[in-house]
Amino acid sequence: MKKFFVKSLLTGVALAMLATPSLAAISLDRTRVVFAGNEKSVSLTVRNQNPELPYLAQGWLEDEHGVKLEGNSAFTVLPPVQRIEPKGQTQVKIQATPGANLLPQDRESLFYFNLREIPPKSDKSNVLQIALQTRIKMFYRPAALAEAAVKQQGTPYQEQLTLSKNGDQYTVHNPTPYFVTLIGFSARKGGDVVKGFEPVMVPPKGSIKLGGSAAALGATPVLVYINDYGGQPALTFRCSGNSCKVDVSKRDK
């Protein structure tokens, strides 16, 4: 989940004098959305945490390239803008259109859901108002893949990941039809993230080189991923030569 700052009003007051921390008033009930192909819509809870002021919440979707979806796209956000009273909550709905049937059915598709808070106009002069924007990933998961993922919850599909070593660098291979987001790479479970590693999202049927020294990670490296619910399970690998597979006996309980 990423935060963006959007300037809604700028006066002649020096920015340095206004460099005070800003807290988001509008919040979401999740950090990612998995839209199953056998569902017509997904509802997200939106809360206004400000105890005194009402806010507007504006929602929209972008494709994997950051291009805003228009009216003839696979999904729409309803309502696109709504008012939320102080300490109140409401729901925003992501609804599939007939265009969703044209998306690939053999793998997931990636979108981004954006939610921008619009503060009420200030009645004071010389005020800089900051609108915070939340951006989270939305994965469209075709019906057959959604059903398969539910059936294999005891053996998560992320356990199919493999590693290959070339020189002092690992490459992760994802043979599944699902996106996998990796946020940690260490020599042991619960250990410090190896220097040079950066979080990555591995596409379906894709491979990505990982940062960090293979020598520093040893023969049983550990990858941490984000699951459908925002949890952060760890995968412990066992390496033989230049190839590594998940050691299921070390599965998180």
Protein backbone atom coordinates (compact mmCIF):
# COMPACT_ATOMS: atom_id res chain seq x y z
CA MET A 1 0.00 0.00 0.00
CA LYS A 2 1.34 3.40 -0.99
CA LYS A 3 0.50 6.93 0.13
CA PHE A 4 0.53 9.93 -2.17
CA PHE A 5 0.31 13.60 -1.25
CA VAL A 6 -1.84 15.91 -3.42
CA LYS A 7 -1.74 19.67 -2.84
CA SER A 8 -5.22 21.12 -2.94
CA LEU A 9 -4.47 24.69 -1.86
CA LEU A 10 -1.16 26.55 -1.76
CA THR A 11 -0.75 30.09 -0.47
CA GLY A 12 2.27 32.35 -0.21
CA VAL A 13 3.25 30.87 3.16
CA ALA A 14 6.73 29.32 3.05
CA LEU A 15 6.59 25.53 2.76
CA ALA A 16 9.29 25.11 5.35
CA MET A 17 7.01 26.68 7.93
CA LEU A 18 4.27 24.20 7.09
CA ALA A 19 6.33 21.00 7.21
CA THR A 20 4.24 19.37 9.92
CA PRO A 21 3.19 15.71 9.90
CA SER A 22 -0.16 14.88 8.23
CA LEU A 23 -2.34 11.96 9.27
CA ALA A 24 -4.81 10.35 6.92
CA ALA A 25 -8.44 10.89 7.81
CA ILE A 26 -9.81 8.36 5.30
CA SER A 27 -8.74 4.73 5.67
CA LEU A 28 -9.48 1.37 4.05
CA ASP A 29 -10.20 -1.95 5.75
CA ARG A 30 -7.54 -3.84 3.75
CA THR A 31 -4.19 -3.52 2.01
CA ARG A 32 -5.07 -5.50 -1.15
CA VAL A 33 -8.11 -6.73 -3.06
CA VAL A 34 -8.56 -10.17 -4.59
CA PHE A 35 -11.48 -10.02 -7.02
CA ALA A 36 -12.67 -13.56 -7.73
CA GLY A 37 -14.05 -14.13 -11.21
CA ASN A 38 -17.17 -15.83 -9.84
CA GLU A 39 -18.16 -12.65 -7.97
CA LYS A 40 -20.03 -9.69 -9.42
CA SER A 41 -18.57 -7.13 -7.02
CA VAL A 42 -16.33 -6.57 -4.01
CA SER A 43 -17.16 -4.08 -1.24
CA LEU A 44 -14.52 -2.22 0.77
CA THR A 45 -15.19 -0.43 4.04
CA VAL A 46 -14.04 3.20 4.13
CA ARG A 47 -13.74 5.07 7.43
CA ASN A 48 -13.35 8.73 8.31
CA GLN A 49 -11.15 8.82 11.39
CA ASN A 50 -11.45 12.58 11.87
CA PRO A 51 -13.67 13.22 14.93
CA GLU A 52 -14.81 16.68 13.82
CA LEU A 53 -14.79 17.12 10.05
CA PRO A 54 -16.59 15.39 7.17
CA TYR A 55 -14.46 14.33 4.21
CA LEU A 56 -15.12 13.34 0.63
CA ALA A 57 -13.68 10.03 -0.56
CA GLN A 58 -12.93 9.66 -4.27
CA GLY A 59 -12.20 6.19 -5.69
CA TRP A 60 -11.00 4.95 -9.06
CA LEU A 61 -9.08 2.09 -10.69
CA GLU A 62 -5.94 1.99 -12.81
CA ASP A 63 -4.51 -0.79 -14.95
CA GLU A 64 -1.09 -2.33 -14.32
CA HIS A 65 0.55 0.57 -16.19
CA GLY A 66 -1.11 3.22 -14.02
CA VAL A 67 -3.64 4.27 -16.68
CA LYS A 68 -7.03 5.21 -15.23
CA LEU A 69 -9.87 2.88 -16.25
CA GLU A 70 -12.62 4.57 -18.23
CA GLY A 71 -16.32 3.76 -18.56
CA ASN A 72 -15.92 0.89 -21.01
CA SER A 73 -13.36 -0.98 -18.91
CA ALA A 74 -13.60 -4.29 -17.03
CA PHE A 75 -14.46 -2.68 -13.66
CA THR A 76 -16.11 0.40 -12.24
CA VAL A 77 -16.07 2.01 -8.79
CA LEU A 78 -19.40 2.96 -7.18
CA PRO A 79 -19.92 5.57 -5.99
CA PRO A 80 -16.92 7.39 -7.47
CA VAL A 81 -17.22 10.14 -4.83
CA GLN A 82 -19.04 10.14 -1.51
CA ARG A 83 -19.20 12.15 1.71
CA ILE A 84 -18.27 10.49 5.01
CA GLU A 85 -19.31 12.11 8.27
CA PRO A 86 -16.89 12.54 11.21
CA LYS A 87 -15.99 9.13 12.74
CA GLY A 88 -18.34 7.59 10.19
CA GLN A 89 -17.90 4.73 7.77
CA THR A 90 -19.39 3.63 4.49
CA GLN A 91 -18.64 1.23 1.66
CA VAL A 92 -17.28 1.60 -1.83
CA LYS A 93 -18.01 -1.11 -4.38
CA ILE A 94 -15.76 -2.38 -7.16
CA GLN A 95 -18.13 -3.85 -9.72
CA ALA A 96 -17.31 -6.05 -12.69
CA THR A 97 -18.65 -5.15 -16.13
CA PRO A 98 -19.04 -7.47 -19.14
CA GLY A 99 -15.51 -6.43 -20.11
CA ALA A 100 -14.12 -8.54 -17.26
CA ASN A 101 -14.94 -11.64 -19.32
CA LEU A 102 -12.34 -10.51 -21.87
CA LEU A 103 -9.48 -10.64 -19.34
CA PRO A 104 -7.08 -13.62 -19.46
CA GLN A 105 -8.64 -16.66 -17.80
CA ASP A 106 -5.42 -18.65 -17.38
CA ARG A 107 -3.74 -16.20 -14.99
CA GLU A 108 -4.38 -13.23 -12.72
CA SER A 109 -4.57 -9.66 -13.98
CA LEU A 110 -3.24 -6.70 -12.00
CA PHE A 111 -5.04 -3.42 -11.28
CA TYR A 112 -4.64 -0.64 -8.70
CA PHE A 113 -7.44 0.76 -6.55
CA ASN A 114 -6.99 4.40 -5.55
CA LEU A 115 -8.79 6.27 -2.78
CA ARG A 116 -8.23 9.98 -2.32
CA GLU A 117 -9.49 11.96 0.64
CA ILE A 118 -10.77 15.47 -0.07
CA PRO A 119 -10.80 17.68 3.04
CA PRO A 120 -13.46 20.34 3.62
CA LYS A 121 -12.51 23.84 2.51
CA SER A 122 -10.82 25.73 5.31
CA ASP A 123 -12.44 28.90 6.57
CA LYS A 124 -9.01 30.29 7.47
CA SER A 125 -6.61 32.16 5.19
CA ASN A 126 -3.01 31.16 4.48
CA VAL A 127 -3.66 27.44 4.93
CA LEU A 128 -2.04 24.58 3.04
CA GLN A 129 -4.43 21.65 2.75
CA ILE A 130 -3.01 18.21 2.02
CA ALA A 131 -5.06 15.39 0.48
CA LEU A 132 -3.73 11.91 1.15
CA GLN A 133 -4.20 9.22 -1.48
CA THR A 134 -4.09 5.47 -0.82
CA ARG A 135 -3.17 3.06 -3.62
CA ILE A 136 -3.50 -0.70 -3.21
CA LYS A 137 -3.18 -3.65 -5.57
CA MET A 138 -6.24 -5.39 -6.94
CA PHE A 139 -5.82 -8.85 -8.43
CA TYR A 140 -8.50 -10.14 -10.76
CA ARG A 141 -8.52 -13.91 -10.19
CA PRO A 142 -10.52 -15.90 -12.80
CA ALA A 143 -13.19 -18.19 -11.36
CA ALA A 144 -11.31 -21.47 -11.93
CA LEU A 145 -8.15 -20.09 -10.33
CA ALA A 146 -10.12 -18.70 -7.38
CA GLU A 147 -11.65 -22.11 -6.73
CA ALA A 148 -8.26 -23.80 -7.02
CA ALA A 149 -6.69 -21.35 -4.56
CA VAL A 150 -9.41 -22.08 -1.99
CA LYS A 151 -8.96 -25.83 -2.35
CA GLN A 152 -5.20 -25.64 -1.79
CA GLN A 153 -5.17 -23.34 1.24
CA GLY A 154 -3.42 -26.05 3.23
CA THR A 155 -0.62 -26.08 0.65
CA PRO A 156 -0.35 -22.47 -0.53
CA TYR A 157 0.48 -21.97 -4.20
CA GLN A 158 3.44 -19.82 -3.15
CA GLU A 159 5.18 -23.04 -2.11
CA GLN A 160 5.66 -23.80 -5.81
CA LEU A 161 8.25 -21.02 -6.07
CA THR A 162 11.80 -22.13 -6.83
CA LEU A 163 15.18 -20.41 -6.71
CA SER A 164 18.15 -20.76 -9.03
CA LYS A 165 21.64 -19.42 -8.33
CA ASN A 166 23.82 -17.79 -10.94
CA GLY A 167 27.10 -16.56 -9.53
CA ASP A 168 26.31 -14.74 -6.28
CA GLN A 169 22.70 -13.95 -7.15
CA TYR A 170 19.40 -15.78 -6.83
CA THR A 171 16.55 -15.70 -9.34
CA VAL A 172 13.04 -16.59 -8.17
CA HIS A 173 10.76 -18.53 -10.54
CA ASN A 174 6.97 -18.44 -10.26
CA PRO A 175 5.35 -21.33 -12.20
CA THR A 176 1.86 -20.48 -10.90
CA PRO A 177 -0.88 -18.39 -12.56
CA TYR A 178 -0.89 -16.04 -9.54
CA PHE A 179 1.06 -12.89 -8.68
CA VAL A 180 3.40 -13.32 -5.70
CA THR A 181 4.66 -10.32 -3.70
CA LEU A 182 7.96 -10.89 -1.88
CA ILE A 183 8.92 -8.53 0.94
CA GLY A 184 11.80 -10.28 2.72
CA PHE A 185 14.87 -12.42 1.95
CA SER A 186 17.07 -13.67 4.76
CA ALA A 187 19.40 -16.48 5.82
CA ARG A 188 16.99 -17.80 8.45
CA LYS A 189 13.38 -17.42 9.52
CA GLY A 190 12.98 -14.21 11.48
CA GLY A 191 16.45 -13.04 10.49
CA ASP A 192 17.48 -9.67 9.11
CA VAL A 193 16.75 -8.99 5.47
CA VAL A 194 19.89 -9.47 3.40
CA LYS A 195 21.56 -6.27 2.28
CA GLY A 196 20.62 -5.33 -1.27
CA PHE A 197 17.21 -7.01 -1.37
CA GLU A 198 14.23 -4.93 -2.46
CA PRO A 199 10.57 -6.09 -2.35
CA VAL A 200 9.34 -7.39 -5.70
CA MET A 201 6.16 -8.71 -7.27
CA VAL A 202 6.71 -11.81 -9.39
CA PRO A 203 4.19 -12.08 -12.24
CA PRO A 204 2.41 -15.33 -13.17
CA LYS A 205 4.72 -17.73 -15.02
CA GLY A 206 7.53 -15.19 -14.51
CA SER A 207 11.02 -14.92 -13.05
CA ILE A 208 12.84 -12.04 -11.35
CA LYS A 209 16.42 -11.63 -10.14
CA LEU A 210 16.59 -10.92 -6.41
CA GLY A 211 18.95 -8.50 -4.73
CA GLY A 212 21.33 -9.69 -2.04
CA SER A 213 24.36 -11.97 -1.93
CA ALA A 214 23.61 -15.68 -2.40
CA ALA A 215 26.67 -16.48 -0.28
CA ALA A 216 25.25 -14.41 2.60
CA LEU A 217 21.95 -16.31 2.39
CA GLY A 218 23.46 -19.77 2.73
CA ALA A 219 21.93 -23.12 1.76
CA THR A 220 18.53 -22.55 3.42
CA PRO A 221 17.40 -19.04 2.38
CA VAL A 222 14.02 -17.74 3.52
CA LEU A 223 11.57 -15.66 1.48
CA VAL A 224 8.65 -13.78 3.07
CA TYR A 225 5.57 -13.15 0.95
CA ILE A 226 2.23 -11.39 1.39
CA ASN A 227 -0.79 -13.68 1.21
CA ASP A 228 -4.36 -12.86 0.16
CA TYR A 229 -5.22 -11.58 3.64
CA GLY A 230 -2.21 -9.33 4.13
CA GLY A 231 -0.37 -11.90 6.26
CA GLN A 232 3.37 -12.43 5.90
CA PRO A 233 4.23 -16.15 5.89
CA ALA A 234 7.80 -17.35 5.38
CA LEU A 235 9.06 -19.92 2.87
CA THR A 236 12.21 -21.83 3.86
CA PHE A 237 14.14 -23.23 0.90
CA ARG A 238 16.55 -26.14 0.76
CA CYS A 239 19.24 -25.83 -1.89
CA SER A 240 21.09 -28.51 -3.78
CA GLY A 241 23.76 -27.18 -6.07
CA ASN A 242 22.33 -24.12 -7.82
CA SER A 243 18.66 -25.05 -7.39
CA CYS A 244 16.41 -24.52 -4.38
CA LYS A 245 12.92 -25.77 -3.53
CA VAL A 246 10.60 -24.96 -0.63
CA ASP A 247 11.08 -27.22 2.38
CA VAL A 248 7.44 -27.95 3.27
CA SER A 249 8.48 -29.46 6.60
CA LYS A 250 9.36 -25.88 7.65
CA ARG A 251 5.93 -24.53 6.68
CA ASP A 252 4.52 -21.77 8.89
CA LYS A 253 1.81 -23.11 11.18
